[in-house]
Structure formats: structure tokens, C-alpha cells
């Protein structure tokens, strides 16, 4: 079930309960809603019923800037607290329960997180970024979520393709994988990847053919490194989504990538998204970091 279906189902349930009250009046829209302020009646439809209720996309509202407490004693402090954290604070209540608006937003964000995990990066997106597609040993999304070990390997067909068709010995091998959020990949890579590749090329750093690994885990970079022998490999994956954002991307770097690497040999840059490190800025930073890894011939705890 998609985000819109989830929201529609919740709204229908809430309106059904509210309609049992004889004083209930269906609102046309939630846009501009102010807690405690009456909502005007919509014009009745020609068939005698009410016009179709139209709801604003709740996920488009910036919760850090959205003030729900009516007439706060210290509005400035309230605003500062909201901007200091992405946590859901100052959401107000009705009696001992949260507002309907708050509950709907929680459900909407939860649905968005589910969609990010269960959806897949489109073929058009992979082609647009000129990525060569490979696949892990996972056959489908269900197997990817339940068998992390298979996500660390390449399928027999992809491994054969890698051995026969790919350039070996590059300075940097770029790998992209869906990870646990396809939304993170599609939201950030279009701005990040060009900045990264242009920066590396400008420094005279040789780049291998960028690849996309469907259903890949972090350690699939070890298998690719073992075969292509780049000096450094970098893999981008969507992070596990939460209620704060479903678009956070991580980058893992490894010098001399090979099978049998331990996690402390990897360097990670996380929280790449519009609310964290923006994609273009992350691309520029990763160019500097990759240059450092190449110069020091080390990554992870050995880099410092």
C-alpha cells in the first residue's frame, strides 16, 4: 500500500467516526487549519451530499516550523526549541490525546518510511546516471531484507559480467546500491554524483566504470574490490528510514577493498540529505576525503 492509500484509509476512518456525531460538519480542506478555530461549511454538491474532501499533503509541512500550541506563553522559546531538534515536540493535544493532525502526520511519515524500504530504484534512474547494473545474490526484495549475507555477494551472472567487461586498477571505483531506502538514492545521487566525478577528474584521479548493485549491502564493495583491484572503493546506500526522514544516504570508503576486510577499515560519511549534509556539499567533501585516503593509503581507523 502506497503513501496516498495509507493516508486516505486513515482519513476515511477518522471521518467515519466523526460523522457519527450529529453536530459533525465535514471540512473541505485542512489547509490553513488553526486549532480551536471553527471551519466553514463546504457548499453542498448537486446530488445532495458534500463535496469530496480535499486534504493537504501532510508530509510537505516542515514540522520544525509548524507551531501547533495555540497562544504560547513564550513563542520565541517555542520556535527555538522546535528548530533545535527534528523530534516531535510542542504538538499540543485535545484532552489527553494527540490532535488528529498529529496522528495523521505520524501515520503518513510511517507510511513514507515503509515505502522507502519496500520500493526499488527505477530502471530509468539507473540509465539516466549511466550506471552499469549488477545484482547481488538476492533474488528479490523479500530475500534482501531477510538474508543480509546474500546482499554481500554478487549473483553468478553479475560476477561473470564484472570479470569480463570491467576496467581494472582504477584509482576510485564508484558503487551505488539501493540499501534500505530507494528514496535516499533517487533524492541525492543526481546532485552528488556529478559533483563527485567532476571533482575527482579535476584532480587527475582515474575513475572506474560506476556501477549500480541491486539489493546490495555494504560489504558487496569487498567482492567488487577483489575483482577490479581499485585503490579505493566507495559505495553509496540508502540509510534505514525513520520518522524524521526517509531520504538519508550514506557513503562507505575503503582503501585496498578486498574480501575479508573488517568494518574498522571503512570510513563512513552519513546523513547526506537536505536536512543534514546537502548532496552537492557532500560530493565536494567526498572528493577531498578520497584524495586524503589515496595520499595516506589508508581508510577507517588507520586513516588518522
Protein backbone atom coordinates (compact mmCIF):
# COMPACT_ATOMS: atom_id res chain seq x y z
CA UNK A 1 0.00 0.00 0.00
CA UNK A 2 1.39 3.39 -1.03
CA UNK A 3 1.60 6.60 0.96
CA UNK A 4 -1.56 8.11 -0.58
CA UNK A 5 -3.53 4.92 0.09
CA UNK A 6 -2.38 4.86 3.74
CA UNK A 7 -3.36 8.49 4.28
CA UNK A 8 -6.71 8.03 2.53
CA UNK A 9 -7.52 4.99 4.68
CA UNK A 10 -6.72 6.80 7.92
CA UNK A 11 -8.69 9.90 6.89
CA UNK A 12 -11.70 7.80 5.94
CA UNK A 13 -11.61 6.06 9.32
CA UNK A 14 -11.37 9.35 11.22
CA UNK A 15 -14.17 10.98 9.20
CA UNK A 16 -16.38 7.92 9.64
CA UNK A 17 -16.04 8.16 13.42
CA UNK A 18 -16.60 11.92 13.40
CA UNK A 19 -19.66 11.62 11.18
CA UNK A 20 -21.45 9.61 13.88
CA UNK A 21 -21.83 12.86 15.80
CA UNK A 22 -24.97 14.74 14.77
CA UNK A 23 -23.08 18.03 15.11
CA UNK A 24 -20.33 16.97 12.72
CA UNK A 25 -19.69 19.23 9.72
CA UNK A 26 -17.25 17.91 7.07
CA UNK A 27 -14.47 20.37 6.17
CA UNK A 28 -13.41 20.90 2.56
CA UNK A 29 -9.71 21.20 3.36
CA UNK A 30 -7.21 21.19 6.21
CA UNK A 31 -5.16 23.97 4.61
CA UNK A 32 -4.81 26.93 6.96
CA UNK A 33 -6.28 24.96 9.87
CA UNK A 34 -5.83 26.62 13.27
CA UNK A 35 -6.53 24.58 16.45
CA UNK A 36 -9.73 25.82 18.11
CA UNK A 37 -10.89 27.89 15.13
CA UNK A 38 -14.24 26.87 13.52
CA UNK A 39 -14.13 25.55 9.97
CA UNK A 40 -16.64 26.90 7.44
CA UNK A 41 -19.18 24.56 5.88
CA UNK A 42 -18.48 23.48 2.31
CA UNK A 43 -21.06 24.08 -0.39
CA UNK A 44 -23.32 21.02 -0.81
CA UNK A 45 -22.92 19.05 -4.02
CA UNK A 46 -25.76 18.90 -6.54
CA UNK A 47 -26.54 15.31 -5.58
CA UNK A 48 -27.38 16.42 -2.04
CA UNK A 49 -24.12 15.16 -0.46
CA UNK A 50 -20.96 17.00 0.49
CA UNK A 51 -18.19 17.74 -1.97
CA UNK A 52 -15.20 15.41 -1.92
CA UNK A 53 -12.91 16.29 0.97
CA UNK A 54 -9.50 17.52 -0.20
CA UNK A 55 -6.55 17.18 2.15
CA UNK A 56 -3.22 18.90 2.01
CA UNK A 57 -0.14 16.65 1.77
CA UNK A 58 0.82 16.41 5.44
CA UNK A 59 4.37 15.30 4.68
CA UNK A 60 5.01 18.61 2.89
CA UNK A 61 4.71 20.50 6.18
CA UNK A 62 8.01 21.28 7.92
CA UNK A 63 7.36 20.12 11.48
CA UNK A 64 10.19 22.22 12.88
CA UNK A 65 8.46 25.37 11.64
CA UNK A 66 4.91 24.23 12.30
CA UNK A 67 3.63 25.66 15.60
CA UNK A 68 0.60 23.81 16.96
CA UNK A 69 0.38 25.16 20.52
CA UNK A 70 -2.23 27.96 20.49
CA UNK A 71 -1.10 31.25 22.07
CA UNK A 72 2.22 30.02 23.53
CA UNK A 73 3.45 31.98 26.56
CA UNK A 74 6.94 32.30 25.07
CA UNK A 75 6.67 31.97 21.30
CA UNK A 76 10.35 32.78 20.72
CA UNK A 77 11.49 29.98 23.02
CA UNK A 78 8.94 27.64 21.46
CA UNK A 79 10.32 28.36 17.98
CA UNK A 80 13.92 27.92 19.15
CA UNK A 81 13.10 24.56 20.74
CA UNK A 82 11.36 23.35 17.59
CA UNK A 83 14.32 24.35 15.40
CA UNK A 84 16.82 22.70 17.77
CA UNK A 85 15.56 19.17 17.12
CA UNK A 86 13.67 17.15 14.49
CA UNK A 87 11.84 15.36 17.34
CA UNK A 88 8.08 15.84 17.57
CA UNK A 89 7.83 18.36 20.40
CA UNK A 90 5.20 21.01 21.06
CA UNK A 91 2.47 19.19 19.11
CA UNK A 92 -0.35 20.11 21.52
CA UNK A 93 -3.28 17.87 22.43
CA UNK A 94 -7.02 17.50 22.73
CA UNK A 95 -7.75 16.37 26.25
CA UNK A 96 -5.24 13.61 26.99
CA UNK A 97 -4.92 12.60 23.34
CA UNK A 98 -2.87 13.99 20.44
CA UNK A 99 -4.54 16.12 17.80
CA UNK A 100 -5.95 14.34 14.75
CA UNK A 101 -3.47 16.32 12.65
CA UNK A 102 -0.57 14.97 14.74
CA UNK A 103 -1.80 11.38 14.46
CA UNK A 104 -2.28 11.64 10.71
CA UNK A 105 1.22 13.07 10.24
CA UNK A 106 2.70 10.23 12.29
CA UNK A 107 0.90 7.67 10.13
CA UNK A 108 1.92 9.48 6.94
CA UNK A 109 5.61 9.55 7.91
CA UNK A 110 5.46 5.90 8.91
CA UNK A 111 3.97 5.04 5.50
CA UNK A 112 6.70 7.07 3.78
CA UNK A 113 9.37 5.09 5.66
CA UNK A 114 7.75 1.80 4.67
CA UNK A 115 7.58 2.86 1.02
CA UNK A 116 11.27 3.83 1.09
CA UNK A 117 12.23 0.33 2.25
CA UNK A 118 9.89 -1.66 0.03
CA UNK A 119 10.14 0.32 -3.22
CA UNK A 120 13.01 -0.06 -5.69
CA UNK A 121 15.24 2.32 -7.65
CA UNK A 122 13.76 2.65 -11.14
CA UNK A 123 15.47 1.41 -14.28
CA UNK A 124 15.10 4.89 -15.81
CA UNK A 125 17.03 6.40 -12.91
CA UNK A 126 19.90 3.92 -13.29
CA UNK A 127 20.12 4.60 -17.02
CA UNK A 128 19.93 8.37 -16.55
CA UNK A 129 23.02 8.31 -14.30
CA UNK A 130 24.85 5.99 -16.73
CA UNK A 131 25.35 3.28 -14.12
CA UNK A 132 26.05 -0.31 -15.20
CA UNK A 133 23.55 -2.55 -13.44
CA UNK A 134 24.63 -5.57 -11.41
CA UNK A 135 22.71 -7.59 -8.83
CA UNK A 136 23.57 -9.25 -5.55
CA UNK A 137 22.83 -12.88 -4.85
CA UNK A 138 19.37 -11.85 -3.58
CA UNK A 139 16.56 -12.73 -5.96
CA UNK A 140 14.00 -10.20 -4.70
CA UNK A 141 13.29 -7.60 -2.03
CA UNK A 142 11.99 -10.12 0.49
CA UNK A 143 15.18 -12.14 0.29
CA UNK A 144 17.24 -8.95 0.54
CA UNK A 145 15.52 -7.99 3.81
CA UNK A 146 15.73 -11.46 5.35
CA UNK A 147 19.15 -12.63 4.08
CA UNK A 148 21.77 -9.89 4.64
CA UNK A 149 24.52 -12.41 3.82
CA UNK A 150 23.30 -12.74 0.22
CA UNK A 151 23.34 -8.96 -0.19
CA UNK A 152 27.10 -9.03 0.42
CA UNK A 153 27.69 -11.26 -2.62
CA UNK A 154 27.16 -10.82 -6.35
CA UNK A 155 25.00 -13.14 -8.40
CA UNK A 156 26.86 -15.59 -10.63
CA UNK A 157 25.80 -13.67 -13.74
CA UNK A 158 26.91 -10.28 -12.34
CA UNK A 159 30.23 -11.68 -11.13
CA UNK A 160 30.93 -13.06 -14.60
CA UNK A 161 29.98 -9.72 -16.16
CA UNK A 162 32.32 -7.92 -13.77
CA UNK A 163 35.26 -10.18 -14.66
CA UNK A 164 34.82 -9.95 -18.41
CA UNK A 165 33.71 -6.38 -19.11
CA UNK A 166 35.09 -4.01 -16.49
CA UNK A 167 38.24 -1.94 -16.33
CA UNK A 168 40.63 -2.92 -13.55
CA UNK A 169 43.10 -0.97 -11.47
CA UNK A 170 41.28 2.40 -11.25
CA UNK A 171 42.12 4.88 -8.51
CA UNK A 172 38.48 5.06 -7.38
CA UNK A 173 35.64 2.63 -8.03
CA UNK A 174 32.18 4.13 -7.53
CA UNK A 175 29.36 1.81 -6.47
CA UNK A 176 25.70 2.69 -5.84
CA UNK A 177 23.16 0.42 -4.18
CA UNK A 178 19.57 0.83 -3.03
CA UNK A 179 20.30 -0.19 0.55
CA UNK A 180 17.29 0.30 2.83
CA UNK A 181 15.92 3.41 1.12
CA UNK A 182 15.44 3.80 -2.60
CA UNK A 183 14.14 7.32 -1.93
CA UNK A 184 17.52 8.33 -0.49
CA UNK A 185 19.33 7.19 -3.63
CA UNK A 186 16.95 8.92 -6.02
CA UNK A 187 16.83 12.13 -3.97
CA UNK A 188 20.58 12.64 -3.56
CA UNK A 189 22.59 10.96 -6.32
CA UNK A 190 21.57 13.30 -9.18
CA UNK A 191 23.30 16.21 -7.40
CA UNK A 192 26.01 14.28 -5.58
CA UNK A 193 27.43 12.05 -8.31
CA UNK A 194 28.25 14.79 -10.88
CA UNK A 195 29.97 16.89 -8.19
CA UNK A 196 31.99 13.87 -7.09
CA UNK A 197 33.07 12.77 -10.56
CA UNK A 198 33.92 16.28 -11.74
CA UNK A 199 35.99 16.89 -8.64
CA UNK A 200 37.91 13.62 -8.98
CA UNK A 201 38.54 14.17 -12.69
CA UNK A 202 39.76 17.70 -11.98
CA UNK A 203 42.39 16.23 -9.64
CA UNK A 204 43.53 13.72 -12.25
CA UNK A 205 42.13 10.76 -10.29
CA UNK A 206 41.26 7.79 -12.50
CA UNK A 207 37.65 6.63 -12.05
CA UNK A 208 36.42 3.11 -12.81
CA UNK A 209 33.09 2.44 -14.52
CA UNK A 210 30.37 3.41 -11.97
CA UNK A 211 28.03 0.55 -11.14
CA UNK A 212 24.65 0.05 -9.52
CA UNK A 213 24.17 -3.10 -7.42
CA UNK A 214 20.54 -4.04 -6.90
CA UNK A 215 19.82 -5.44 -3.42
CA UNK A 216 23.36 -4.71 -2.25
CA UNK A 217 24.81 -4.46 1.26
CA UNK A 218 27.93 -2.53 2.29
CA UNK A 219 30.28 -5.48 2.01
CA UNK A 220 29.43 -6.09 -1.65
CA UNK A 221 32.15 -3.48 -2.23
CA UNK A 222 34.66 -6.07 -0.98
CA UNK A 223 33.68 -8.53 -3.72
CA UNK A 224 33.90 -5.82 -6.40
CA UNK A 225 37.22 -4.65 -4.98
CA UNK A 226 38.61 -8.17 -5.04
CA UNK A 227 37.82 -8.47 -8.76
CA UNK A 228 38.60 -4.96 -10.07
CA UNK A 229 41.55 -4.11 -7.78
CA UNK A 230 40.89 -0.35 -7.43
CA UNK A 231 42.98 1.61 -4.94
CA UNK A 232 39.79 2.85 -3.25
CA UNK A 233 36.15 1.82 -3.48
CA UNK A 234 33.22 3.97 -2.39
CA UNK A 235 29.65 2.70 -2.08
CA UNK A 236 26.51 4.80 -1.62
CA UNK A 237 23.49 3.24 0.07
CA UNK A 238 20.15 4.47 1.37
CA UNK A 239 20.07 4.50 5.17
CA UNK A 240 17.32 2.81 7.18
CA UNK A 241 14.48 5.41 7.10
CA UNK A 242 12.83 6.78 10.21
CA UNK A 243 10.01 9.17 11.01
CA UNK A 244 12.39 12.13 10.65
CA UNK A 245 13.45 11.44 7.06
CA UNK A 246 13.40 8.64 4.52
CA UNK A 247 15.97 10.29 2.25
CA UNK A 248 19.24 9.92 4.18
CA UNK A 249 22.19 8.49 2.24
CA UNK A 250 25.49 7.04 3.48
CA UNK A 251 28.87 6.68 1.75
CA UNK A 252 31.38 3.99 2.78
CA UNK A 253 35.01 4.25 1.63
CA UNK A 254 37.69 1.55 1.78
CA UNK A 255 41.35 1.61 0.74
CA UNK A 256 42.50 -1.60 -0.95
CA UNK A 257 39.00 -3.13 -0.89
CA UNK A 258 39.07 -6.90 -0.70
CA UNK A 259 37.22 -9.84 0.75
CA UNK A 260 37.89 -10.39 4.42
CA UNK A 261 38.01 -6.69 5.33
CA UNK A 262 36.92 -5.74 8.85
CA UNK A 263 34.49 -2.89 9.49
CA UNK A 264 37.08 -0.70 11.21
CA UNK A 265 38.89 -0.43 7.87
CA UNK A 266 35.99 1.51 6.36
CA UNK A 267 35.36 5.26 6.57
CA UNK A 268 31.72 6.34 6.57
CA UNK A 269 30.00 9.63 5.83
CA UNK A 270 26.32 9.53 6.80
CA UNK A 271 23.27 11.80 6.97
CA UNK A 272 23.55 13.02 3.39
CA UNK A 273 20.18 14.67 2.72
CA UNK A 274 18.61 18.13 2.54
CA UNK A 275 18.19 18.28 6.33
CA UNK A 276 21.73 17.09 7.01
CA UNK A 277 24.68 17.46 4.65
CA UNK A 278 23.23 18.55 1.27
CA UNK A 279 24.13 16.34 -1.69
CA UNK A 280 26.31 18.85 -3.63
CA UNK A 281 28.25 19.71 -0.46
CA UNK A 282 28.68 16.01 0.32
CA UNK A 283 30.04 15.41 -3.19
CA UNK A 284 32.68 18.11 -2.76
CA UNK A 285 33.63 16.85 0.69
CA UNK A 286 33.99 13.27 -0.52
CA UNK A 287 36.42 14.40 -3.24
CA UNK A 288 38.67 15.83 -0.53
CA UNK A 289 38.27 12.73 1.63
CA UNK A 290 39.05 10.34 -1.23
CA UNK A 291 42.17 12.33 -2.07
CA UNK A 292 43.25 12.02 1.55
CA UNK A 293 42.63 8.25 1.53
CA UNK A 294 44.70 7.88 -1.65
CA UNK A 295 47.55 10.01 -0.26
CA UNK A 296 47.62 8.27 3.14
CA UNK A 297 46.97 4.83 1.61
CA UNK A 298 44.60 4.06 4.47
CA UNK A 299 40.95 4.25 5.50
CA UNK A 300 38.91 3.70 8.63
CA UNK A 301 40.76 3.82 11.93
CA UNK A 302 44.06 3.66 10.05
CA UNK A 303 43.39 6.96 8.30
CA UNK A 304 44.06 9.20 11.31
